[in-house]
Amino acid sequence: MDYTFEIVGVSPMLHFFHEQQQLIERSPAPPVEYIGSFQCTLDATLESIEPVIWRHDWSWNDTALTLIIKYNNNT
């Protein structure tokens, strides 16, 4: 399975939760997830993907590696 991450930017917390709620309400659930963290560090971002990985049964190694590569290319 391929994973793609886009670093969209900083958004207000209410907007973030609104987007998450819209994703939950859609059926069938799309393979798209929005993640967020209070700190803009690689460790915090990796922690924020843990619930998403288990919810979709994604591979931790593949997802984390894709995120690390994307993060390093954008810092």
N, C-alpha and C. Protein backbone atom coordinates (compact mmCIF):
# COMPACT_ATOMS: atom_id res chain seq x y z
N MET A 1 0.85 -1.17 0.00
CA MET A 1 0.00 0.00 0.00
C MET A 1 0.90 1.23 0.00
N ASP A 2 0.53 2.25 -0.76
CA ASP A 2 1.28 3.50 -0.80
C ASP A 2 0.66 4.52 0.14
N TYR A 3 1.49 5.35 0.74
CA TYR A 3 1.03 6.39 1.65
C TYR A 3 1.55 7.73 1.15
N THR A 4 0.72 8.73 1.21
CA THR A 4 1.10 10.07 0.80
C THR A 4 0.71 11.04 1.91
N PHE A 5 1.60 11.95 2.24
CA PHE A 5 1.32 12.96 3.24
C PHE A 5 1.50 14.33 2.62
N GLU A 6 0.64 15.23 2.96
CA GLU A 6 0.74 16.62 2.55
C GLU A 6 0.81 17.46 3.82
N ILE A 7 1.76 18.32 3.89
CA ILE A 7 1.82 19.25 5.01
C ILE A 7 1.07 20.49 4.56
N VAL A 8 -0.13 20.65 5.09
CA VAL A 8 -1.03 21.68 4.63
C VAL A 8 -0.73 23.01 5.30
N GLY A 9 -0.40 22.99 6.55
CA GLY A 9 -0.11 24.23 7.25
C GLY A 9 -0.74 24.24 8.61
N VAL A 10 -0.78 25.40 9.17
CA VAL A 10 -1.32 25.57 10.51
C VAL A 10 -2.77 26.03 10.39
N SER A 11 -3.64 25.41 11.18
CA SER A 11 -5.05 25.82 11.16
C SER A 11 -5.56 25.89 12.58
N PRO A 12 -6.60 26.68 12.81
CA PRO A 12 -7.19 26.74 14.15
C PRO A 12 -7.73 25.37 14.56
N MET A 13 -7.71 25.10 15.86
CA MET A 13 -8.14 23.81 16.37
C MET A 13 -9.59 23.50 16.00
N LEU A 14 -10.48 24.47 16.04
CA LEU A 14 -11.88 24.20 15.71
C LEU A 14 -12.03 23.75 14.26
N HIS A 15 -11.25 24.33 13.37
CA HIS A 15 -11.28 23.91 11.97
C HIS A 15 -10.81 22.46 11.83
N PHE A 16 -9.77 22.12 12.55
CA PHE A 16 -9.24 20.76 12.53
C PHE A 16 -10.29 19.75 12.98
N PHE A 17 -10.95 20.03 14.10
CA PHE A 17 -11.97 19.11 14.61
C PHE A 17 -13.18 19.04 13.68
N HIS A 18 -13.51 20.15 13.05
CA HIS A 18 -14.61 20.16 12.09
C HIS A 18 -14.31 19.22 10.92
N GLU A 19 -13.09 19.27 10.39
CA GLU A 19 -12.69 18.40 9.29
C GLU A 19 -12.73 16.93 9.72
N GLN A 20 -12.25 16.64 10.92
CA GLN A 20 -12.29 15.27 11.42
C GLN A 20 -13.72 14.77 11.54
N GLN A 21 -14.61 15.61 12.05
CA GLN A 21 -16.00 15.21 12.20
C GLN A 21 -16.65 14.93 10.86
N GLN A 22 -16.34 15.74 9.86
CA GLN A 22 -16.89 15.50 8.53
C GLN A 22 -16.41 14.18 7.96
N LEU A 23 -15.14 13.83 8.20
CA LEU A 23 -14.62 12.55 7.72
C LEU A 23 -15.33 11.38 8.39
N ILE A 24 -15.60 11.50 9.69
CA ILE A 24 -16.26 10.43 10.42
C ILE A 24 -17.68 10.22 9.91
N GLU A 25 -18.37 11.31 9.57
CA GLU A 25 -19.76 11.23 9.15
C GLU A 25 -19.93 10.69 7.73
N ARG A 26 -18.90 10.76 6.93
CA ARG A 26 -19.01 10.26 5.55
C ARG A 26 -19.01 8.73 5.54
N SER A 27 -19.76 8.19 4.61
CA SER A 27 -19.80 6.74 4.50
C SER A 27 -19.72 6.40 3.03
N PRO A 28 -18.90 5.51 2.58
CA PRO A 28 -17.87 4.82 3.35
C PRO A 28 -16.72 5.77 3.68
N ALA A 29 -16.01 5.42 4.70
CA ALA A 29 -14.91 6.27 5.16
C ALA A 29 -13.80 6.31 4.11
N PRO A 30 -13.41 7.52 3.71
CA PRO A 30 -12.34 7.63 2.72
C PRO A 30 -10.99 7.30 3.37
N PRO A 31 -10.02 6.89 2.58
CA PRO A 31 -8.70 6.59 3.14
C PRO A 31 -7.87 7.85 3.35
N VAL A 32 -8.52 8.93 3.78
CA VAL A 32 -7.84 10.19 4.03
C VAL A 32 -7.99 10.52 5.50
N GLU A 33 -6.93 10.96 6.11
CA GLU A 33 -6.97 11.35 7.52
C GLU A 33 -6.24 12.68 7.69
N TYR A 34 -6.77 13.50 8.55
CA TYR A 34 -6.10 14.74 8.95
C TYR A 34 -5.51 14.51 10.32
N ILE A 35 -4.26 14.87 10.48
CA ILE A 35 -3.61 14.73 11.77
C ILE A 35 -3.14 16.09 12.24
N GLY A 36 -2.94 16.21 13.51
CA GLY A 36 -2.45 17.48 14.06
C GLY A 36 -1.76 17.25 15.38
N SER A 37 -0.89 18.17 15.72
CA SER A 37 -0.21 18.11 17.01
C SER A 37 0.07 19.55 17.45
N PHE A 38 0.18 19.71 18.75
CA PHE A 38 0.45 21.04 19.29
C PHE A 38 1.89 21.47 19.02
N GLN A 39 2.78 20.52 18.94
CA GLN A 39 4.18 20.83 18.66
C GLN A 39 4.50 20.46 17.22
N CYS A 40 5.30 21.26 16.59
CA CYS A 40 5.66 21.01 15.20
C CYS A 40 7.02 20.30 15.15
N THR A 41 7.05 19.11 15.73
CA THR A 41 8.27 18.30 15.73
C THR A 41 7.96 16.96 15.09
N LEU A 42 8.99 16.28 14.65
CA LEU A 42 8.79 14.97 14.04
C LEU A 42 8.22 13.98 15.05
N ASP A 43 8.74 13.98 16.27
CA ASP A 43 8.23 13.06 17.30
C ASP A 43 6.75 13.29 17.57
N ALA A 44 6.34 14.53 17.70
CA ALA A 44 4.93 14.83 17.97
C ALA A 44 4.05 14.42 16.80
N THR A 45 4.54 14.61 15.59
CA THR A 45 3.77 14.22 14.41
C THR A 45 3.64 12.70 14.32
N LEU A 46 4.71 11.99 14.63
CA LEU A 46 4.65 10.53 14.63
C LEU A 46 3.66 10.02 15.67
N GLU A 47 3.63 10.66 16.84
CA GLU A 47 2.68 10.26 17.87
C GLU A 47 1.24 10.50 17.40
N SER A 48 1.03 11.54 16.62
CA SER A 48 -0.33 11.86 16.20
C SER A 48 -0.89 10.88 15.17
N ILE A 49 -0.03 10.10 14.51
CA ILE A 49 -0.54 9.16 13.51
C ILE A 49 -0.89 7.80 14.11
N GLU A 50 -0.50 7.55 15.36
CA GLU A 50 -0.76 6.24 15.96
C GLU A 50 -2.23 5.83 15.93
N PRO A 51 -3.17 6.68 16.37
CA PRO A 51 -4.58 6.25 16.33
C PRO A 51 -5.09 6.01 14.91
N VAL A 52 -4.57 6.76 13.97
CA VAL A 52 -5.00 6.62 12.57
C VAL A 52 -4.55 5.28 12.02
N ILE A 53 -3.33 4.88 12.34
CA ILE A 53 -2.79 3.62 11.84
C ILE A 53 -3.64 2.45 12.31
N TRP A 54 -3.99 2.44 13.58
CA TRP A 54 -4.76 1.31 14.12
C TRP A 54 -6.19 1.32 13.59
N ARG A 55 -6.75 2.48 13.36
CA ARG A 55 -8.13 2.58 12.87
C ARG A 55 -8.26 1.99 11.46
N HIS A 56 -7.25 2.19 10.64
CA HIS A 56 -7.31 1.73 9.26
C HIS A 56 -6.49 0.47 9.01
N ASP A 57 -5.86 -0.03 10.05
CA ASP A 57 -5.01 -1.22 9.93
C ASP A 57 -3.90 -1.00 8.91
N TRP A 58 -3.28 0.19 8.98
CA TRP A 58 -2.16 0.50 8.11
C TRP A 58 -0.87 -0.01 8.72
N SER A 59 0.14 -0.19 7.90
CA SER A 59 1.45 -0.62 8.36
C SER A 59 2.16 0.54 9.06
N TRP A 60 2.55 0.33 10.31
CA TRP A 60 3.25 1.37 11.08
C TRP A 60 4.55 1.76 10.38
N ASN A 61 5.34 0.79 9.97
CA ASN A 61 6.65 1.08 9.37
C ASN A 61 6.51 1.87 8.07
N ASP A 62 5.60 1.45 7.20
CA ASP A 62 5.43 2.16 5.92
C ASP A 62 4.89 3.57 6.13
N THR A 63 3.93 3.70 7.02
CA THR A 63 3.33 5.01 7.28
C THR A 63 4.35 5.95 7.91
N ALA A 64 5.07 5.47 8.92
CA ALA A 64 6.06 6.30 9.61
C ALA A 64 7.19 6.70 8.65
N LEU A 65 7.66 5.77 7.84
CA LEU A 65 8.74 6.08 6.89
C LEU A 65 8.30 7.15 5.90
N THR A 66 7.09 7.03 5.38
CA THR A 66 6.58 8.04 4.44
C THR A 66 6.48 9.39 5.12
N LEU A 67 5.99 9.42 6.34
CA LEU A 67 5.87 10.66 7.09
C LEU A 67 7.23 11.29 7.37
N ILE A 68 8.21 10.48 7.75
CA ILE A 68 9.56 10.98 8.02
C ILE A 68 10.18 11.59 6.78
N ILE A 69 10.03 10.93 5.65
CA ILE A 69 10.58 11.44 4.40
C ILE A 69 9.93 12.77 4.04
N LYS A 70 8.60 12.83 4.14
CA LYS A 70 7.88 14.06 3.81
C LYS A 70 8.28 15.18 4.77
N TYR A 71 8.38 14.87 6.04
CA TYR A 71 8.75 15.86 7.05
C TYR A 71 10.15 16.42 6.78
N ASN A 72 11.09 15.53 6.49
CA ASN A 72 12.48 15.96 6.23
C ASN A 72 12.59 16.78 4.95
N ASN A 73 11.78 16.50 3.97
CA ASN A 73 11.81 17.26 2.72
C ASN A 73 11.19 18.66 2.88
N ASN A 74 10.40 18.87 3.95
CA ASN A 74 9.73 20.14 4.15
C ASN A 74 10.26 20.94 5.32
N THR A 75 11.37 20.53 5.90
CA THR A 75 11.94 21.31 7.01
C THR A 75 13.26 21.90 6.62
